[in-house]
């Protein structure tokens, strides 16, 4: 469903450690909003719910709810650090178009 690159996993582990919660996972959601209709929401969460799919890859847990799973199938989460900025990058093959800033998409 969702894959996590080694670079993204390393950054997630660093952030969780800095926040004092190395046992937490990353919740990855698709929510309504943004100029293209849908946007990604990433947040740390203590545990999965009964409705979540849990992906464990490169030493991190990712929690995806059922609704978001429809939009995230085949998606890769990466982390980029370059001259123009740093941050998580969602490579989603289901996105038909996205806004200029890359913060939202349509499927």
PDB file of N, CA and C in Angstrom:
ATOM      1  N   UNK A   1       0.824  -1.185   0.000  1.00  0.00           N
ATOM      2  CA  UNK A   1       0.000   0.000   0.000  1.00  0.00           C
ATOM      3  C   UNK A   1       0.869   1.250   0.000  1.00  0.00           C
ATOM      4  N   UNK A   2       1.541   1.559   1.110  1.00  0.00           N
ATOM      5  CA  UNK A   2       2.427   2.711   1.207  1.00  0.00           C
ATOM      6  C   UNK A   2       3.829   2.185   1.501  1.00  0.00           C
ATOM      7  N   UNK A   3       4.810   2.699   0.775  1.00  0.00           N
ATOM      8  CA  UNK A   3       6.195   2.338   1.074  1.00  0.00           C
ATOM      9  C   UNK A   3       6.904   3.564   1.646  1.00  0.00           C
ATOM     10  N   UNK A   4       7.907   3.305   2.458  1.00  0.00           N
ATOM     11  CA  UNK A   4       8.669   4.364   3.117  1.00  0.00           C
ATOM     12  C   UNK A   4      10.129   4.182   2.746  1.00  0.00           C
ATOM     13  N   UNK A   5      10.726   5.204   2.142  1.00  0.00           N
ATOM     14  CA  UNK A   5      12.137   5.113   1.782  1.00  0.00           C
ATOM     15  C   UNK A   5      12.993   5.104   3.042  1.00  0.00           C
ATOM     16  N   UNK A   6      14.234   4.655   2.895  1.00  0.00           N
ATOM     17  CA  UNK A   6      15.159   4.662   4.026  1.00  0.00           C
ATOM     18  C   UNK A   6      15.392   6.082   4.535  1.00  0.00           C
ATOM     19  N   UNK A   7      15.450   7.047   3.632  1.00  0.00           N
ATOM     20  CA  UNK A   7      15.666   8.443   4.008  1.00  0.00           C
ATOM     21  C   UNK A   7      14.498   8.964   4.841  1.00  0.00           C
ATOM     22  N   UNK A   8      13.270   8.674   4.401  1.00  0.00           N
ATOM     23  CA  UNK A   8      12.082   9.103   5.151  1.00  0.00           C
ATOM     24  C   UNK A   8      12.028   8.413   6.508  1.00  0.00           C
ATOM     25  N   UNK A   9      12.329   7.119   6.542  1.00  0.00           N
ATOM     26  CA  UNK A   9      12.304   6.373   7.807  1.00  0.00           C
ATOM     27  C   UNK A   9      13.319   6.945   8.790  1.00  0.00           C
ATOM     28  N   UNK A  10      14.493   7.287   8.309  1.00  0.00           N
ATOM     29  CA  UNK A  10      15.517   7.863   9.188  1.00  0.00           C
ATOM     30  C   UNK A  10      15.048   9.191   9.772  1.00  0.00           C
ATOM     31  N   UNK A  11      14.407  10.019   8.959  1.00  0.00           N
ATOM     32  CA  UNK A  11      13.912  11.316   9.438  1.00  0.00           C
ATOM     33  C   UNK A  11      12.778  11.121  10.437  1.00  0.00           C
ATOM     34  N   UNK A  12      11.882  10.186  10.175  1.00  0.00           N
ATOM     35  CA  UNK A  12      10.782   9.891  11.100  1.00  0.00           C
ATOM     36  C   UNK A  12      11.348   9.451  12.447  1.00  0.00           C
ATOM     37  N   UNK A  13      12.320   8.543  12.437  1.00  0.00           N
ATOM     38  CA  UNK A  13      12.937   8.073  13.685  1.00  0.00           C
ATOM     39  C   UNK A  13      13.592   9.217  14.441  1.00  0.00           C
ATOM     40  N   UNK A  14      14.278  10.097  13.721  1.00  0.00           N
ATOM     41  CA  UNK A  14      14.930  11.247  14.361  1.00  0.00           C
ATOM     42  C   UNK A  14      13.899  12.158  15.021  1.00  0.00           C
ATOM     43  N   UNK A  15      12.826  12.471  14.301  1.00  0.00           N
ATOM     44  CA  UNK A  15      11.794  13.351  14.841  1.00  0.00           C
ATOM     45  C   UNK A  15      11.103  12.732  16.058  1.00  0.00           C
ATOM     46  N   UNK A  16      10.806  11.443  15.981  1.00  0.00           N
ATOM     47  CA  UNK A  16      10.164  10.766  17.111  1.00  0.00           C
ATOM     48  C   UNK A  16      11.079  10.754  18.326  1.00  0.00           C
ATOM     49  N   UNK A  17      12.352  10.511  18.104  1.00  0.00           N
ATOM     50  CA  UNK A  17      13.316  10.507  19.191  1.00  0.00           C
ATOM     51  C   UNK A  17      13.442  11.887  19.828  1.00  0.00           C
ATOM     52  N   UNK A  18      13.507  12.922  18.992  1.00  0.00           N
ATOM     53  CA  UNK A  18      13.602  14.295  19.495  1.00  0.00           C
ATOM     54  C   UNK A  18      12.382  14.674  20.330  1.00  0.00           C
ATOM     55  N   UNK A  19      11.217  14.123  19.983  1.00  0.00           N
ATOM     56  CA  UNK A  19       9.984  14.429  20.708  1.00  0.00           C
ATOM     57  C   UNK A  19       9.776  13.503  21.910  1.00  0.00           C
ATOM     58  N   UNK A  20      10.695  12.556  22.091  1.00  0.00           N
ATOM     59  CA  UNK A  20      10.607  11.654  23.232  1.00  0.00           C
ATOM     60  C   UNK A  20       9.592  10.546  23.092  1.00  0.00           C
ATOM     61  N   UNK A  21       9.226  10.214  21.856  1.00  0.00           N
ATOM     62  CA  UNK A  21       8.227   9.169  21.609  1.00  0.00           C
ATOM     63  C   UNK A  21       8.692   8.191  20.532  1.00  0.00           C
ATOM     64  N   UNK A  22       9.809   7.510  20.736  1.00  0.00           N
ATOM     65  CA  UNK A  22      10.313   6.608  19.695  1.00  0.00           C
ATOM     66  C   UNK A  22       9.392   5.431  19.380  1.00  0.00           C
ATOM     67  N   UNK A  23       8.424   5.155  20.273  1.00  0.00           N
ATOM     68  CA  UNK A  23       7.508   4.035  20.063  1.00  0.00           C
ATOM     69  C   UNK A  23       6.298   4.405  19.201  1.00  0.00           C
ATOM     70  N   UNK A  24       6.101   5.674  18.903  1.00  0.00           N
ATOM     71  CA  UNK A  24       4.962   6.133  18.114  1.00  0.00           C
ATOM     72  C   UNK A  24       5.127   5.744  16.645  1.00  0.00           C
ATOM     73  N   UNK A  25       4.065   5.927  15.890  1.00  0.00           N
ATOM     74  CA  UNK A  25       4.084   5.713  14.455  1.00  0.00           C
ATOM     75  C   UNK A  25       3.644   6.983  13.738  1.00  0.00           C
ATOM     76  N   UNK A  26       3.728   6.953  12.427  1.00  0.00           N
ATOM     77  CA  UNK A  26       3.318   8.086  11.607  1.00  0.00           C
ATOM     78  C   UNK A  26       1.926   7.820  11.044  1.00  0.00           C
ATOM     79  N   UNK A  27       0.978   8.712  11.314  1.00  0.00           N
ATOM     80  CA  UNK A  27      -0.352   8.605  10.723  1.00  0.00           C
ATOM     81  C   UNK A  27      -0.336   9.384   9.414  1.00  0.00           C
ATOM     82  N   UNK A  28      -0.714   8.700   8.345  1.00  0.00           N
ATOM     83  CA  UNK A  28      -0.748   9.300   7.014  1.00  0.00           C
ATOM     84  C   UNK A  28      -2.197   9.305   6.559  1.00  0.00           C
ATOM     85  N   UNK A  29      -2.744  10.512   6.305  1.00  0.00           N
ATOM     86  CA  UNK A  29      -4.147  10.645   5.929  1.00  0.00           C
ATOM     87  C   UNK A  29      -4.304  11.480   4.671  1.00  0.00           C
ATOM     88  N   UNK A  30      -5.415  11.262   4.001  1.00  0.00           N
ATOM     89  CA  UNK A  30      -5.856  12.123   2.916  1.00  0.00           C
ATOM     90  C   UNK A  30      -7.130  12.790   3.410  1.00  0.00           C
ATOM     91  N   UNK A  31      -7.140  14.116   3.371  1.00  0.00           N
ATOM     92  CA  UNK A  31      -8.287  14.886   3.855  1.00  0.00           C
ATOM     93  C   UNK A  31      -8.742  15.857   2.772  1.00  0.00           C
ATOM     94  N   UNK A  32      -9.988  16.269   2.848  1.00  0.00           N
ATOM     95  CA  UNK A  32     -10.505  17.255   1.918  1.00  0.00           C
ATOM     96  C   UNK A  32      -9.879  18.611   2.186  1.00  0.00           C
ATOM     97  N   UNK A  33      -9.637  19.353   1.120  1.00  0.00           N
ATOM     98  CA  UNK A  33      -9.078  20.686   1.277  1.00  0.00           C
ATOM     99  C   UNK A  33      -7.957  20.945   0.309  1.00  0.00           C
ATOM    100  N   UNK A  34      -7.481  22.152   0.303  1.00  0.00           N
ATOM    101  CA  UNK A  34      -6.426  22.523  -0.629  1.00  0.00           C
ATOM    102  C   UNK A  34      -7.020  22.959  -1.948  1.00  0.00           C
ATOM    103  N   UNK A  35      -6.229  23.592  -2.753  1.00  0.00           N
ATOM    104  CA  UNK A  35      -6.745  24.156  -4.003  1.00  0.00           C
ATOM    105  C   UNK A  35      -7.070  23.091  -5.051  1.00  0.00           C
ATOM    106  N   UNK A  36      -6.580  21.868  -4.878  1.00  0.00           N
ATOM    107  CA  UNK A  36      -6.900  20.808  -5.840  1.00  0.00           C
ATOM    108  C   UNK A  36      -7.925  19.817  -5.303  1.00  0.00           C
ATOM    109  N   UNK A  37      -8.403  20.018  -4.082  1.00  0.00           N
ATOM    110  CA  UNK A  37      -9.474  19.181  -3.560  1.00  0.00           C
ATOM    111  C   UNK A  37      -9.100  18.258  -2.421  1.00  0.00           C
ATOM    112  N   UNK A  38      -7.919  17.650  -2.449  1.00  0.00           N
ATOM    113  CA  UNK A  38      -7.485  16.734  -1.409  1.00  0.00           C
ATOM    114  C   UNK A  38      -6.076  17.122  -0.971  1.00  0.00           C
ATOM    115  N   UNK A  39      -5.759  16.853   0.296  1.00  0.00           N
ATOM    116  CA  UNK A  39      -4.408  17.127   0.750  1.00  0.00           C
ATOM    117  C   UNK A  39      -3.955  16.027   1.704  1.00  0.00           C
ATOM    118  N   UNK A  40      -2.659  15.955   1.916  1.00  0.00           N
ATOM    119  CA  UNK A  40      -2.067  14.957   2.791  1.00  0.00           C
ATOM    120  C   UNK A  40      -1.929  15.544   4.191  1.00  0.00           C
ATOM    121  N   UNK A  41      -2.117  14.696   5.177  1.00  0.00           N
ATOM    122  CA  UNK A  41      -1.880  15.091   6.559  1.00  0.00           C
ATOM    123  C   UNK A  41      -0.975  14.031   7.182  1.00  0.00           C
ATOM    124  N   UNK A  42       0.141  14.473   7.724  1.00  0.00           N
ATOM    125  CA  UNK A  42       1.090  13.604   8.418  1.00  0.00           C
ATOM    126  C   UNK A  42       1.156  14.047   9.868  1.00  0.00           C
ATOM    127  N   UNK A  43       1.045  13.078  10.780  1.00  0.00           N
ATOM    128  CA  UNK A  43       1.123  13.383  12.207  1.00  0.00           C
ATOM    129  C   UNK A  43       1.586  12.135  12.946  1.00  0.00           C
ATOM    130  N   UNK A  44       2.205  12.337  14.098  1.00  0.00           N
ATOM    131  CA  UNK A  44       2.614  11.200  14.907  1.00  0.00           C
ATOM    132  C   UNK A  44       1.452  10.761  15.788  1.00  0.00           C
ATOM    133  N   UNK A  45       1.327   9.443  15.959  1.00  0.00           N
ATOM    134  CA  UNK A  45       0.223   8.886  16.732  1.00  0.00           C
ATOM    135  C   UNK A  45       0.759   7.745  17.598  1.00  0.00           C
ATOM    136  N   UNK A  46       0.183   7.625  18.789  1.00  0.00           N
ATOM    137  CA  UNK A  46       0.645   6.610  19.730  1.00  0.00           C
ATOM    138  C   UNK A  46       0.332   5.191  19.262  1.00  0.00           C
ATOM    139  N   UNK A  47      -0.851   5.006  18.698  1.00  0.00           N
ATOM    140  CA  UNK A  47      -1.231   3.656  18.272  1.00  0.00           C
ATOM    141  C   UNK A  47      -2.259   3.696  17.151  1.00  0.00           C
ATOM    142  N   UNK A  48      -2.390   2.575  16.500  1.00  0.00           N
ATOM    143  CA  UNK A  48      -3.359   2.428  15.416  1.00  0.00           C
ATOM    144  C   UNK A  48      -4.741   2.169  16.010  1.00  0.00           C
ATOM    145  N   UNK A  49      -5.768   2.453  15.218  1.00  0.00           N
ATOM    146  CA  UNK A  49      -7.130   2.104  15.609  1.00  0.00           C
ATOM    147  C   UNK A  49      -7.502   0.783  14.942  1.00  0.00           C
ATOM    148  N   UNK A  50      -8.668   0.270  15.287  1.00  0.00           N
ATOM    149  CA  UNK A  50      -9.153  -0.979  14.673  1.00  0.00           C
ATOM    150  C   UNK A  50      -9.406  -0.804  13.180  1.00  0.00           C
ATOM    151  N   UNK A  51      -9.600   0.430  12.736  1.00  0.00           N
ATOM    152  CA  UNK A  51      -9.916   0.728  11.345  1.00  0.00           C
ATOM    153  C   UNK A  51      -8.666   0.974  10.482  1.00  0.00           C
ATOM    154  N   UNK A  52      -7.493   0.946  11.086  1.00  0.00           N
ATOM    155  CA  UNK A  52      -6.254   1.275  10.375  1.00  0.00           C
ATOM    156  C   UNK A  52      -5.556   0.057   9.797  1.00  0.00           C
ATOM    157  N   UNK A  53      -4.856   0.296   8.710  1.00  0.00           N
ATOM    158  CA  UNK A  53      -3.873  -0.644   8.211  1.00  0.00           C
ATOM    159  C   UNK A  53      -2.535  -0.163   8.746  1.00  0.00           C
ATOM    160  N   UNK A  54      -1.725  -1.076   9.256  1.00  0.00           N
ATOM    161  CA  UNK A  54      -0.423  -0.713   9.798  1.00  0.00           C
ATOM    162  C   UNK A  54       0.654  -1.264   8.866  1.00  0.00           C
ATOM    163  N   UNK A  55       1.498  -0.374   8.385  1.00  0.00           N
ATOM    164  CA  UNK A  55       2.618  -0.748   7.523  1.00  0.00           C
ATOM    165  C   UNK A  55       3.885  -0.560   8.340  1.00  0.00           C
ATOM    166  N   UNK A  56       4.732  -1.570   8.375  1.00  0.00           N
ATOM    167  CA  UNK A  56       6.024  -1.444   9.058  1.00  0.00           C
ATOM    168  C   UNK A  56       7.110  -1.637   8.016  1.00  0.00           C
ATOM    169  N   UNK A  57       7.900  -0.585   7.835  1.00  0.00           N
ATOM    170  CA  UNK A  57       8.958  -0.636   6.828  1.00  0.00           C
ATOM    171  C   UNK A  57      10.136   0.210   7.284  1.00  0.00           C
ATOM    172  N   UNK A  58      11.332  -0.319   7.098  1.00  0.00           N
ATOM    173  CA  UNK A  58      12.562   0.373   7.478  1.00  0.00           C
ATOM    174  C   UNK A  58      12.529   0.843   8.928  1.00  0.00           C
ATOM    175  N   UNK A  59      11.902   0.045   9.788  1.00  0.00           N
ATOM    176  CA  UNK A  59      11.908   0.330  11.216  1.00  0.00           C
ATOM    177  C   UNK A  59      10.901   1.348  11.702  1.00  0.00           C
ATOM    178  N   UNK A  60       9.947   1.757  10.863  1.00  0.00           N
ATOM    179  CA  UNK A  60       8.906   2.688  11.304  1.00  0.00           C
ATOM    180  C   UNK A  60       7.534   2.108  11.011  1.00  0.00           C
ATOM    181  N   UNK A  61       6.558   2.549  11.810  1.00  0.00           N
ATOM    182  CA  UNK A  61       5.167   2.145  11.615  1.00  0.00           C
ATOM    183  C   UNK A  61       4.421   3.312  10.970  1.00  0.00           C
ATOM    184  N   UNK A  62       3.588   2.985   9.978  1.00  0.00           N
ATOM    185  CA  UNK A  62       2.729   3.981   9.338  1.00  0.00           C
ATOM    186  C   UNK A  62       1.293   3.496   9.486  1.00  0.00           C
ATOM    187  N   UNK A  63       0.420   4.376  10.005  1.00  0.00           N
ATOM    188  CA  UNK A  63      -0.991   4.068  10.201  1.00  0.00           C
ATOM    189  C   UNK A  63      -1.801   4.756   9.109  1.00  0.00           C
ATOM    190  N   UNK A  64      -2.637   3.969   8.402  1.00  0.00           N
ATOM    191  CA  UNK A  64      -3.465   4.512   7.325  1.00  0.00           C
ATOM    192  C   UNK A  64      -4.903   4.058   7.550  1.00  0.00           C
ATOM    193  N   UNK A  65      -5.823   5.028   7.638  1.00  0.00           N
ATOM    194  CA  UNK A  65      -7.237   4.684   7.816  1.00  0.00           C
ATOM    195  C   UNK A  65      -7.814   4.169   6.489  1.00  0.00           C
ATOM    196  N   UNK A  66      -8.971   3.529   6.569  1.00  0.00           N
ATOM    197  CA  UNK A  66      -9.573   2.891   5.388  1.00  0.00           C
ATOM    198  C   UNK A  66      -9.873   3.880   4.264  1.00  0.00           C
ATOM    199  N   UNK A  67     -10.401   5.043   4.590  1.00  0.00           N
ATOM    200  CA  UNK A  67     -10.733   6.039   3.560  1.00  0.00           C
ATOM    201  C   UNK A  67      -9.466   6.517   2.840  1.00  0.00           C
ATOM    202  N   UNK A  68      -8.435   6.810   3.607  1.00  0.00           N
ATOM    203  CA  UNK A  68      -7.189   7.292   3.015  1.00  0.00           C
ATOM    204  C   UNK A  68      -6.508   6.211   2.177  1.00  0.00           C
ATOM    205  N   UNK A  69      -6.680   4.956   2.573  1.00  0.00           N
ATOM    206  CA  UNK A  69      -6.057   3.851   1.852  1.00  0.00           C
ATOM    207  C   UNK A  69      -6.484   3.810   0.388  1.00  0.00           C
ATOM    208  N   UNK A  70      -7.723   4.246   0.114  1.00  0.00           N
ATOM    209  CA  UNK A  70      -8.217   4.267  -1.263  1.00  0.00           C
ATOM    210  C   UNK A  70      -7.370   5.184  -2.150  1.00  0.00           C
ATOM    211  N   UNK A  71      -6.892   6.282  -1.574  1.00  0.00           N
ATOM    212  CA  UNK A  71      -6.111   7.268  -2.329  1.00  0.00           C
ATOM    213  C   UNK A  71      -4.604   7.023  -2.275  1.00  0.00           C
ATOM    214  N   UNK A  72      -4.156   6.200  -1.318  1.00  0.00           N
ATOM    215  CA  UNK A  72      -2.717   6.044  -1.096  1.00  0.00           C
ATOM    216  C   UNK A  72      -2.122   4.736  -1.626  1.00  0.00           C
ATOM    217  N   UNK A  73      -2.923   3.897  -2.254  1.00  0.00           N
ATOM    218  CA  UNK A  73      -2.409   2.630  -2.779  1.00  0.00           C
ATOM    219  C   UNK A  73      -1.240   2.875  -3.730  1.00  0.00           C
ATOM    220  N   UNK A  74      -0.119   2.240  -3.461  1.00  0.00           N
ATOM    221  CA  UNK A  74       1.065   2.370  -4.319  1.00  0.00           C
ATOM    222  C   UNK A  74       1.905   3.609  -4.053  1.00  0.00           C
ATOM    223  N   UNK A  75       1.578   4.360  -3.013  1.00  0.00           N
ATOM    224  CA  UNK A  75       2.270   5.612  -2.712  1.00  0.00           C
ATOM    225  C   UNK A  75       3.603   5.363  -2.011  1.00  0.00           C
ATOM    226  N   UNK A  76       4.570   6.219  -2.319  1.00  0.00           N
ATOM    227  CA  UNK A  76       5.878   6.173  -1.664  1.00  0.00           C
ATOM    228  C   UNK A  76       6.084   7.468  -0.877  1.00  0.00           C
ATOM    229  N   UNK A  77       6.468   7.327   0.383  1.00  0.00           N
ATOM    230  CA  UNK A  77       6.806   8.477   1.210  1.00  0.00           C
ATOM    231  C   UNK A  77       8.322   8.617   1.241  1.00  0.00           C
ATOM    232  N   UNK A  78       8.802   9.786   0.865  1.00  0.00           N
ATOM    233  CA  UNK A  78      10.241  10.048   0.818  1.00  0.00           C
ATOM    234  C   UNK A  78      10.531  11.312   1.621  1.00  0.00           C
ATOM    235  N   UNK A  79      11.789  11.571   1.874  1.00  0.00           N
ATOM    236  CA  UNK A  79      12.208  12.815   2.514  1.00  0.00           C
ATOM    237  C   UNK A  79      13.319  13.411   1.667  1.00  0.00           C
ATOM    238  N   UNK A  80      13.162  14.672   1.309  1.00  0.00           N
ATOM    239  CA  UNK A  80      14.179  15.346   0.495  1.00  0.00           C
ATOM    240  C   UNK A  80      14.768  16.514   1.285  1.00  0.00           C
ATOM    241  N   UNK A  81      16.041  16.747   1.079  1.00  0.00           N
ATOM    242  CA  UNK A  81      16.750  17.830   1.750  1.00  0.00           C
ATOM    243  C   UNK A  81      17.645  18.481   0.714  1.00  0.00           C
ATOM    244  N   UNK A  82      17.245  19.642   0.245  1.00  0.00           N
ATOM    245  CA  UNK A  82      17.991  20.303  -0.821  1.00  0.00           C
ATOM    246  C   UNK A  82      18.104  21.795  -0.601  1.00  0.00           C
ATOM    247  N   UNK A  83      18.690  22.455  -1.561  1.00  0.00           N
ATOM    248  CA  UNK A  83      18.895  23.892  -1.470  1.00  0.00           C
ATOM    249  C   UNK A  83      17.592  24.676  -1.418  1.00  0.00           C
ATOM    250  N   UNK A  84      16.547  24.143  -2.029  1.00  0.00           N
ATOM    251  CA  UNK A  84      15.262  24.840  -2.083  1.00  0.00           C
ATOM    252  C   UNK A  84      14.347  24.464  -0.914  1.00  0.00           C
ATOM    253  N   UNK A  85      14.843  23.680   0.013  1.00  0.00           N
ATOM    254  CA  UNK A  85      14.041  23.318   1.169  1.00  0.00           C
ATOM    255  C   UNK A  85      14.093  21.836   1.461  1.00  0.00           C
ATOM    256  N   UNK A  86      13.541  21.479   2.598  1.00  0.00           N
ATOM    257  CA  UNK A  86      13.523  20.091   3.019  1.00  0.00           C
ATOM    258  C   UNK A  86      12.124  19.731   3.473  1.00  0.00           C
ATOM    259  N   UNK A  87      11.782  18.458   3.327  1.00  0.00           N
ATOM    260  CA  UNK A  87      10.477  18.001   3.795  1.00  0.00           C
ATOM    261  C   UNK A  87      10.108  16.651   3.227  1.00  0.00           C
ATOM    262  N   UNK A  88       9.001  16.139   3.714  1.00  0.00           N
ATOM    263  CA  UNK A  88       8.505  14.863   3.214  1.00  0.00           C
ATOM    264  C   UNK A  88       7.870  15.071   1.853  1.00  0.00           C
ATOM    265  N   UNK A  89       8.091  14.104   0.974  1.00  0.00           N
ATOM    266  CA  UNK A  89       7.541  14.148  -0.383  1.00  0.00           C
ATOM    267  C   UNK A  89       6.705  12.893  -0.585  1.00  0.00           C
ATOM    268  N   UNK A  90       5.460  13.091  -1.004  1.00  0.00           N
ATOM    269  CA  UNK A  90       4.542  11.984  -1.249  1.00  0.00           C
ATOM    270  C   UNK A  90       4.484  11.750  -2.753  1.00  0.00           C
ATOM    271  N   UNK A  91       4.950  10.588  -3.181  1.00  0.00           N
ATOM    272  CA  UNK A  91       4.909  10.205  -4.590  1.00  0.00           C
ATOM    273  C   UNK A  91       3.709   9.281  -4.775  1.00  0.00           C
ATOM    274  N   UNK A  92       2.600   9.870  -5.223  1.00  0.00           N
ATOM    275  CA  UNK A  92       1.337   9.157  -5.299  1.00  0.00           C
ATOM    276  C   UNK A  92       0.933   8.923  -6.757  1.00  0.00           C
ATOM    277  N   UNK A  93       0.932   7.655  -7.199  1.00  0.00           N
ATOM    278  CA  UNK A  93       0.544   7.367  -8.582  1.00  0.00           C
ATOM    279  C   UNK A  93      -0.945   7.596  -8.854  1.00  0.00           C
ATOM    280  N   UNK A  94      -1.745   7.773  -7.822  1.00  0.00           N
ATOM    281  CA  UNK A  94      -3.185   7.986  -7.977  1.00  0.00           C
ATOM    282  C   UNK A  94      -3.553   9.451  -8.183  1.00  0.00           C
ATOM    283  N   UNK A  95      -2.607  10.347  -7.967  1.00  0.00           N
ATOM    284  CA  UNK A  95      -2.877  11.777  -8.121  1.00  0.00           C
ATOM    285  C   UNK A  95      -2.938  12.113  -9.612  1.00  0.00           C
ATOM    286  N   UNK A  96      -4.079  12.603 -10.040  1.00  0.00           N
ATOM    287  CA  UNK A  96      -4.266  12.958 -11.453  1.00  0.00           C
ATOM    288  C   UNK A  96      -3.715  14.350 -11.750  1.00  0.00           C
ATOM    289  N   UNK A  97      -3.801  15.238 -10.759  1.00  0.00           N
ATOM    290  CA  UNK A  97      -3.238  16.575 -10.899  1.00  0.00           C
ATOM    291  C   UNK A  97      -2.922  17.093  -9.515  1.00  0.00           C
ATOM    292  N   UNK A  98      -2.081  18.110  -9.463  1.00  0.00           N
ATOM    293  CA  UNK A  98      -1.760  18.718  -8.175  1.00  0.00           C
ATOM    294  C   UNK A  98      -1.631  20.220  -8.363  1.00  0.00           C
ATOM    295  N   UNK A  99      -1.678  20.927  -7.241  1.00  0.00           N
ATOM    296  CA  UNK A  99      -1.557  22.379  -7.315  1.00  0.00           C
ATOM    297  C   UNK A  99      -0.086  22.758  -7.502  1.00  0.00           C
ATOM    298  N   UNK A 100       0.171  24.001  -7.771  1.00  0.00           N
ATOM    299  CA  UNK A 100       1.525  24.463  -8.017  1.00  0.00           C
ATOM    300  C   UNK A 100       2.460  24.294  -6.847  1.00  0.00           C
ATOM    301  N   UNK A 101       1.942  24.407  -5.639  1.00  0.00           N
ATOM    302  CA  UNK A 101       2.806  24.291  -4.457  1.00  0.00           C
ATOM    303  C   UNK A 101       3.008  22.832  -4.055  1.00  0.00           C
ATOM    304  N   UNK A 102       2.232  21.908  -4.624  1.00  0.00           N
ATOM    305  CA  UNK A 102       2.389  20.490  -4.312  1.00  0.00           C
ATOM    306  C   UNK A 102       1.748  20.057  -3.019  1.00  0.00           C
ATOM    307  N   UNK A 103       0.972  20.925  -2.392  1.00  0.00           N
ATOM    308  CA  UNK A 103       0.351  20.605  -1.109  1.00  0.00           C
ATOM    309  C   UNK A 103      -0.985  19.870  -1.247  1.00  0.00           C
ATOM    310  N   UNK A 104      -1.606  19.937  -2.428  1.00  0.00           N
ATOM    311  CA  UNK A 104      -2.881  19.257  -2.607  1.00  0.00           C
ATOM    312  C   UNK A 104      -2.929  18.587  -3.972  1.00  0.00           C
ATOM    313  N   UNK A 105      -3.918  17.696  -4.136  1.00  0.00           N
ATOM    314  CA  UNK A 105      -4.027  16.923  -5.373  1.00  0.00           C
ATOM    315  C   UNK A 105      -5.470  16.555  -5.626  1.00  0.00           C
ATOM    316  N   UNK A 106      -5.722  16.066  -6.837  1.00  0.00           N
ATOM    317  CA  UNK A 106      -7.016  15.480  -7.162  1.00  0.00           C
ATOM    318  C   UNK A 106      -6.777  14.078  -7.672  1.00  0.00           C
ATOM    319  N   UNK A 107      -7.764  13.209  -7.453  1.00  0.00           N
ATOM    320  CA  UNK A 107      -7.600  11.817  -7.862  1.00  0.00           C
ATOM    321  C   UNK A 107      -8.675  11.430  -8.857  1.00  0.00           C
TER     322      UNK A 107
END
